[in-house]
Amino acid sequence: MIRSPSEVVVDEHGTVALPMSILAEAGINPGETLLAFSEGDGRIVLRRLEDSITDLLNGRPL
């Protein structure tokens, strides 16, 4: 759970920079590969690629 939301902006190239505090709280380190997908309704989910592959191999949904 994010304790302190941060406002981010999508730039003209579609890039968003996430604050290190949010990444650290999620346990995501610089250089990790993430899988991004839309859940619709304005939601974008980021997951570690490794975690997503493990889930798929074990029959669990993303």
PDB file of N, CA and C in Angstrom:
ATOM      1  N   MET A   1       0.847  -1.172   0.000  1.00  0.00           N
ATOM      2  CA  MET A   1       0.000   0.000   0.000  1.00  0.00           C
ATOM      3  C   MET A   1       0.898   1.243   0.000  1.00  0.00           C
ATOM      4  N   ILE A   2       0.591   2.167  -0.883  1.00  0.00           N
ATOM      5  CA  ILE A   2       1.349   3.407  -0.943  1.00  0.00           C
ATOM      6  C   ILE A   2       0.849   4.316   0.167  1.00  0.00           C
ATOM      7  N   ARG A   3       1.741   4.681   1.044  1.00  0.00           N
ATOM      8  CA  ARG A   3       1.351   5.519   2.181  1.00  0.00           C
ATOM      9  C   ARG A   3       1.234   6.983   1.807  1.00  0.00           C
ATOM     10  N   SER A   4       2.072   7.411   0.869  1.00  0.00           N
ATOM     11  CA  SER A   4       2.094   8.818   0.496  1.00  0.00           C
ATOM     12  C   SER A   4       2.058   8.930  -1.025  1.00  0.00           C
ATOM     13  N   PRO A   5       0.885   9.117  -1.612  1.00  0.00           N
ATOM     14  CA  PRO A   5       0.787   9.211  -3.068  1.00  0.00           C
ATOM     15  C   PRO A   5       1.625  10.379  -3.594  1.00  0.00           C
ATOM     16  N   SER A   6       2.136  10.192  -4.798  1.00  0.00           N
ATOM     17  CA  SER A   6       2.902  11.237  -5.467  1.00  0.00           C
ATOM     18  C   SER A   6       2.261  11.519  -6.804  1.00  0.00           C
ATOM     19  N   GLU A   7       2.226  12.781  -7.171  1.00  0.00           N
ATOM     20  CA  GLU A   7       1.709  13.161  -8.475  1.00  0.00           C
ATOM     21  C   GLU A   7       2.822  13.010  -9.496  1.00  0.00           C
ATOM     22  N   VAL A   8       2.528  12.352 -10.608  1.00  0.00           N
ATOM     23  CA  VAL A   8       3.484  12.204 -11.698  1.00  0.00           C
ATOM     24  C   VAL A   8       2.832  12.708 -12.981  1.00  0.00           C
ATOM     25  N   VAL A   9       3.647  13.070 -13.947  1.00  0.00           N
ATOM     26  CA  VAL A   9       3.156  13.631 -15.198  1.00  0.00           C
ATOM     27  C   VAL A   9       3.630  12.769 -16.357  1.00  0.00           C
ATOM     28  N   VAL A  10       2.741  12.510 -17.307  1.00  0.00           N
ATOM     29  CA  VAL A  10       3.109  11.823 -18.539  1.00  0.00           C
ATOM     30  C   VAL A  10       3.633  12.894 -19.485  1.00  0.00           C
ATOM     31  N   ASP A  11       4.908  12.754 -19.922  1.00  0.00           N
ATOM     32  CA  ASP A  11       5.465  13.786 -20.793  1.00  0.00           C
ATOM     33  C   ASP A  11       5.043  13.562 -22.241  1.00  0.00           C
ATOM     34  N   GLU A  12       5.513  14.425 -23.124  1.00  0.00           N
ATOM     35  CA  GLU A  12       5.095  14.380 -24.530  1.00  0.00           C
ATOM     36  C   GLU A  12       5.537  13.108 -25.244  1.00  0.00           C
ATOM     37  N   HIS A  13       6.459  12.352 -24.657  1.00  0.00           N
ATOM     38  CA  HIS A  13       6.909  11.089 -25.232  1.00  0.00           C
ATOM     39  C   HIS A  13       6.206   9.891 -24.600  1.00  0.00           C
ATOM     40  N   GLY A  14       5.287  10.155 -23.669  1.00  0.00           N
ATOM     41  CA  GLY A  14       4.571   9.079 -22.986  1.00  0.00           C
ATOM     42  C   GLY A  14       5.352   8.493 -21.824  1.00  0.00           C
ATOM     43  N   THR A  15       6.387   9.185 -21.395  1.00  0.00           N
ATOM     44  CA  THR A  15       7.240   8.701 -20.317  1.00  0.00           C
ATOM     45  C   THR A  15       6.769   9.230 -18.975  1.00  0.00           C
ATOM     46  N   VAL A  16       6.828   8.360 -17.967  1.00  0.00           N
ATOM     47  CA  VAL A  16       6.490   8.738 -16.593  1.00  0.00           C
ATOM     48  C   VAL A  16       7.663   8.346 -15.712  1.00  0.00           C
ATOM     49  N   ALA A  17       8.127   9.267 -14.888  1.00  0.00           N
ATOM     50  CA  ALA A  17       9.186   8.963 -13.923  1.00  0.00           C
ATOM     51  C   ALA A  17       8.526   8.698 -12.572  1.00  0.00           C
ATOM     52  N   LEU A  18       8.842   7.550 -11.981  1.00  0.00           N
ATOM     53  CA  LEU A  18       8.275   7.198 -10.680  1.00  0.00           C
ATOM     54  C   LEU A  18       9.254   7.573  -9.575  1.00  0.00           C
ATOM     55  N   PRO A  19       8.758   8.158  -8.506  1.00  0.00           N
ATOM     56  CA  PRO A  19       9.636   8.529  -7.396  1.00  0.00           C
ATOM     57  C   PRO A  19      10.289   7.300  -6.766  1.00  0.00           C
ATOM     58  N   MET A  20      11.554   7.446  -6.371  1.00  0.00           N
ATOM     59  CA  MET A  20      12.282   6.345  -5.736  1.00  0.00           C
ATOM     60  C   MET A  20      11.568   5.847  -4.489  1.00  0.00           C
ATOM     61  N   SER A  21      10.893   6.729  -3.763  1.00  0.00           N
ATOM     62  CA  SER A  21      10.201   6.301  -2.543  1.00  0.00           C
ATOM     63  C   SER A  21       9.112   5.278  -2.854  1.00  0.00           C
ATOM     64  N   ILE A  22       8.411   5.458  -3.955  1.00  0.00           N
ATOM     65  CA  ILE A  22       7.362   4.507  -4.343  1.00  0.00           C
ATOM     66  C   ILE A  22       7.987   3.188  -4.788  1.00  0.00           C
ATOM     67  N   LEU A  23       9.064   3.282  -5.579  1.00  0.00           N
ATOM     68  CA  LEU A  23       9.744   2.065  -6.025  1.00  0.00           C
ATOM     69  C   LEU A  23      10.307   1.294  -4.843  1.00  0.00           C
ATOM     70  N   ALA A  24      10.925   1.998  -3.912  1.00  0.00           N
ATOM     71  CA  ALA A  24      11.494   1.347  -2.737  1.00  0.00           C
ATOM     72  C   ALA A  24      10.410   0.671  -1.910  1.00  0.00           C
ATOM     73  N   GLU A  25       9.290   1.338  -1.734  1.00  0.00           N
ATOM     74  CA  GLU A  25       8.195   0.756  -0.953  1.00  0.00           C
ATOM     75  C   GLU A  25       7.648  -0.500  -1.619  1.00  0.00           C
ATOM     76  N   ALA A  26       7.672  -0.534  -2.956  1.00  0.00           N
ATOM     77  CA  ALA A  26       7.196  -1.703  -3.698  1.00  0.00           C
ATOM     78  C   ALA A  26       8.266  -2.780  -3.806  1.00  0.00           C
ATOM     79  N   GLY A  27       9.484  -2.471  -3.354  1.00  0.00           N
ATOM     80  CA  GLY A  27      10.561  -3.447  -3.432  1.00  0.00           C
ATOM     81  C   GLY A  27      11.149  -3.582  -4.821  1.00  0.00           C
ATOM     82  N   ILE A  28      11.019  -2.541  -5.634  1.00  0.00           N
ATOM     83  CA  ILE A  28      11.543  -2.553  -7.000  1.00  0.00           C
ATOM     84  C   ILE A  28      12.842  -1.761  -7.030  1.00  0.00           C
ATOM     85  N   ASN A  29      13.882  -2.391  -7.566  1.00  0.00           N
ATOM     86  CA  ASN A  29      15.202  -1.781  -7.612  1.00  0.00           C
ATOM     87  C   ASN A  29      15.499  -1.201  -8.983  1.00  0.00           C
ATOM     88  N   PRO A  30      16.325  -0.165  -9.052  1.00  0.00           N
ATOM     89  CA  PRO A  30      16.731   0.377 -10.357  1.00  0.00           C
ATOM     90  C   PRO A  30      17.327  -0.733 -11.221  1.00  0.00           C
ATOM     91  N   GLY A  31      16.969  -0.741 -12.484  1.00  0.00           N
ATOM     92  CA  GLY A  31      17.479  -1.740 -13.421  1.00  0.00           C
ATOM     93  C   GLY A  31      16.613  -2.971 -13.565  1.00  0.00           C
ATOM     94  N   GLU A  32      15.619  -3.149 -12.685  1.00  0.00           N
ATOM     95  CA  GLU A  32      14.733  -4.318 -12.814  1.00  0.00           C
ATOM     96  C   GLU A  32      13.828  -4.147 -14.025  1.00  0.00           C
ATOM     97  N   THR A  33      13.505  -5.264 -14.671  1.00  0.00           N
ATOM     98  CA  THR A  33      12.584  -5.255 -15.801  1.00  0.00           C
ATOM     99  C   THR A  33      11.173  -5.465 -15.284  1.00  0.00           C
ATOM    100  N   LEU A  34      10.271  -4.594 -15.730  1.00  0.00           N
ATOM    101  CA  LEU A  34       8.878  -4.666 -15.311  1.00  0.00           C
ATOM    102  C   LEU A  34       7.986  -4.970 -16.497  1.00  0.00           C
ATOM    103  N   LEU A  35       6.867  -5.604 -16.225  1.00  0.00           N
ATOM    104  CA  LEU A  35       5.822  -5.841 -17.216  1.00  0.00           C
ATOM    105  C   LEU A  35       4.721  -4.839 -16.917  1.00  0.00           C
ATOM    106  N   ALA A  36       4.299  -4.086 -17.919  1.00  0.00           N
ATOM    107  CA  ALA A  36       3.242  -3.089 -17.744  1.00  0.00           C
ATOM    108  C   ALA A  36       2.021  -3.514 -18.548  1.00  0.00           C
ATOM    109  N   PHE A  37       0.849  -3.410 -17.922  1.00  0.00           N
ATOM    110  CA  PHE A  37      -0.384  -3.684 -18.649  1.00  0.00           C
ATOM    111  C   PHE A  37      -1.510  -2.841 -18.074  1.00  0.00           C
ATOM    112  N   SER A  38      -2.519  -2.634 -18.907  1.00  0.00           N
ATOM    113  CA  SER A  38      -3.659  -1.819 -18.510  1.00  0.00           C
ATOM    114  C   SER A  38      -4.751  -2.702 -17.941  1.00  0.00           C
ATOM    115  N   GLU A  39      -5.354  -2.243 -16.855  1.00  0.00           N
ATOM    116  CA  GLU A  39      -6.549  -2.899 -16.329  1.00  0.00           C
ATOM    117  C   GLU A  39      -7.785  -2.104 -16.732  1.00  0.00           C
ATOM    118  N   GLY A  40      -7.613  -1.153 -17.643  1.00  0.00           N
ATOM    119  CA  GLY A  40      -8.719  -0.304 -18.075  1.00  0.00           C
ATOM    120  C   GLY A  40      -9.071   0.675 -16.975  1.00  0.00           C
ATOM    121  N   ASP A  41     -10.046   1.511 -17.233  1.00  0.00           N
ATOM    122  CA  ASP A  41     -10.565   2.442 -16.236  1.00  0.00           C
ATOM    123  C   ASP A  41      -9.465   3.295 -15.586  1.00  0.00           C
ATOM    124  N   GLY A  42      -8.447   3.664 -16.389  1.00  0.00           N
ATOM    125  CA  GLY A  42      -7.401   4.541 -15.883  1.00  0.00           C
ATOM    126  C   GLY A  42      -6.338   3.867 -15.043  1.00  0.00           C
ATOM    127  N   ARG A  43      -6.308   2.539 -15.019  1.00  0.00           N
ATOM    128  CA  ARG A  43      -5.329   1.822 -14.191  1.00  0.00           C
ATOM    129  C   ARG A  43      -4.246   1.190 -15.053  1.00  0.00           C
ATOM    130  N   ILE A  44      -2.997   1.380 -14.621  1.00  0.00           N
ATOM    131  CA  ILE A  44      -1.858   0.718 -15.238  1.00  0.00           C
ATOM    132  C   ILE A  44      -1.150  -0.046 -14.130  1.00  0.00           C
ATOM    133  N   VAL A  45      -0.849  -1.314 -14.398  1.00  0.00           N
ATOM    134  CA  VAL A  45      -0.204  -2.166 -13.407  1.00  0.00           C
ATOM    135  C   VAL A  45       1.231  -2.425 -13.851  1.00  0.00           C
ATOM    136  N   LEU A  46       2.159  -2.341 -12.905  1.00  0.00           N
ATOM    137  CA  LEU A  46       3.555  -2.692 -13.142  1.00  0.00           C
ATOM    138  C   LEU A  46       3.885  -3.885 -12.266  1.00  0.00           C
ATOM    139  N   ARG A  47       4.477  -4.930 -12.869  1.00  0.00           N
ATOM    140  CA  ARG A  47       4.910  -6.106 -12.108  1.00  0.00           C
ATOM    141  C   ARG A  47       6.298  -6.480 -12.552  1.00  0.00           C
ATOM    142  N   ARG A  48       7.074  -7.055 -11.638  1.00  0.00           N
ATOM    143  CA  ARG A  48       8.384  -7.577 -12.031  1.00  0.00           C
ATOM    144  C   ARG A  48       8.147  -8.650 -13.094  1.00  0.00           C
ATOM    145  N   LEU A  49       8.919  -8.597 -14.155  1.00  0.00           N
ATOM    146  CA  LEU A  49       8.779  -9.585 -15.220  1.00  0.00           C
ATOM    147  C   LEU A  49       8.972 -10.989 -14.663  1.00  0.00           C
ATOM    148  N   GLU A  50       9.962 -11.158 -13.806  1.00  0.00           N
ATOM    149  CA  GLU A  50      10.241 -12.468 -13.211  1.00  0.00           C
ATOM    150  C   GLU A  50       9.035 -13.009 -12.443  1.00  0.00           C
ATOM    151  N   ASP A  51       8.378 -12.156 -11.653  1.00  0.00           N
ATOM    152  CA  ASP A  51       7.194 -12.583 -10.892  1.00  0.00           C
ATOM    153  C   ASP A  51       6.056 -12.972 -11.821  1.00  0.00           C
ATOM    154  N   SER A  52       5.876 -12.211 -12.898  1.00  0.00           N
ATOM    155  CA  SER A  52       4.797 -12.498 -13.843  1.00  0.00           C
ATOM    156  C   SER A  52       5.012 -13.832 -14.535  1.00  0.00           C
ATOM    157  N   ILE A  53       6.248 -14.110 -14.946  1.00  0.00           N
ATOM    158  CA  ILE A  53       6.552 -15.380 -15.610  1.00  0.00           C
ATOM    159  C   ILE A  53       6.327 -16.541 -14.657  1.00  0.00           C
ATOM    160  N   THR A  54       6.771 -16.408 -13.413  1.00  0.00           N
ATOM    161  CA  THR A  54       6.566 -17.465 -12.411  1.00  0.00           C
ATOM    162  C   THR A  54       5.083 -17.736 -12.214  1.00  0.00           C
ATOM    163  N   ASP A  55       4.283 -16.670 -12.106  1.00  0.00           N
ATOM    164  CA  ASP A  55       2.840 -16.842 -11.939  1.00  0.00           C
ATOM    165  C   ASP A  55       2.233 -17.573 -13.126  1.00  0.00           C
ATOM    166  N   LEU A  56       2.602 -17.167 -14.342  1.00  0.00           N
ATOM    167  CA  LEU A  56       2.049 -17.811 -15.533  1.00  0.00           C
ATOM    168  C   LEU A  56       2.445 -19.290 -15.601  1.00  0.00           C
ATOM    169  N   LEU A  57       3.681 -19.605 -15.265  1.00  0.00           N
ATOM    170  CA  LEU A  57       4.126 -21.004 -15.278  1.00  0.00           C
ATOM    171  C   LEU A  57       3.410 -21.853 -14.234  1.00  0.00           C
ATOM    172  N   ASN A  58       2.967 -21.217 -13.171  1.00  0.00           N
ATOM    173  CA  ASN A  58       2.256 -21.931 -12.110  1.00  0.00           C
ATOM    174  C   ASN A  58       0.736 -21.846 -12.268  1.00  0.00           C
ATOM    175  N   GLY A  59       0.266 -21.367 -13.428  1.00  0.00           N
ATOM    176  CA  GLY A  59      -1.154 -21.340 -13.705  1.00  0.00           C
ATOM    177  C   GLY A  59      -1.924 -20.223 -13.025  1.00  0.00           C
ATOM    178  N   ARG A  60      -1.211 -19.240 -12.481  1.00  0.00           N
ATOM    179  CA  ARG A  60      -1.885 -18.111 -11.841  1.00  0.00           C
ATOM    180  C   ARG A  60      -2.009 -16.964 -12.831  1.00  0.00           C
ATOM    181  N   PRO A  61      -3.092 -16.206 -12.748  1.00  0.00           N
ATOM    182  CA  PRO A  61      -3.243 -15.057 -13.659  1.00  0.00           C
ATOM    183  C   PRO A  61      -2.275 -13.947 -13.296  1.00  0.00           C
ATOM    184  N   LEU A  62      -2.042 -13.056 -14.258  1.00  0.00           N
ATOM    185  CA  LEU A  62      -1.201 -11.901 -13.988  1.00  0.00           C
ATOM    186  C   LEU A  62      -1.880 -11.091 -12.952  1.00  0.00           C
TER     187      LEU A  62
END
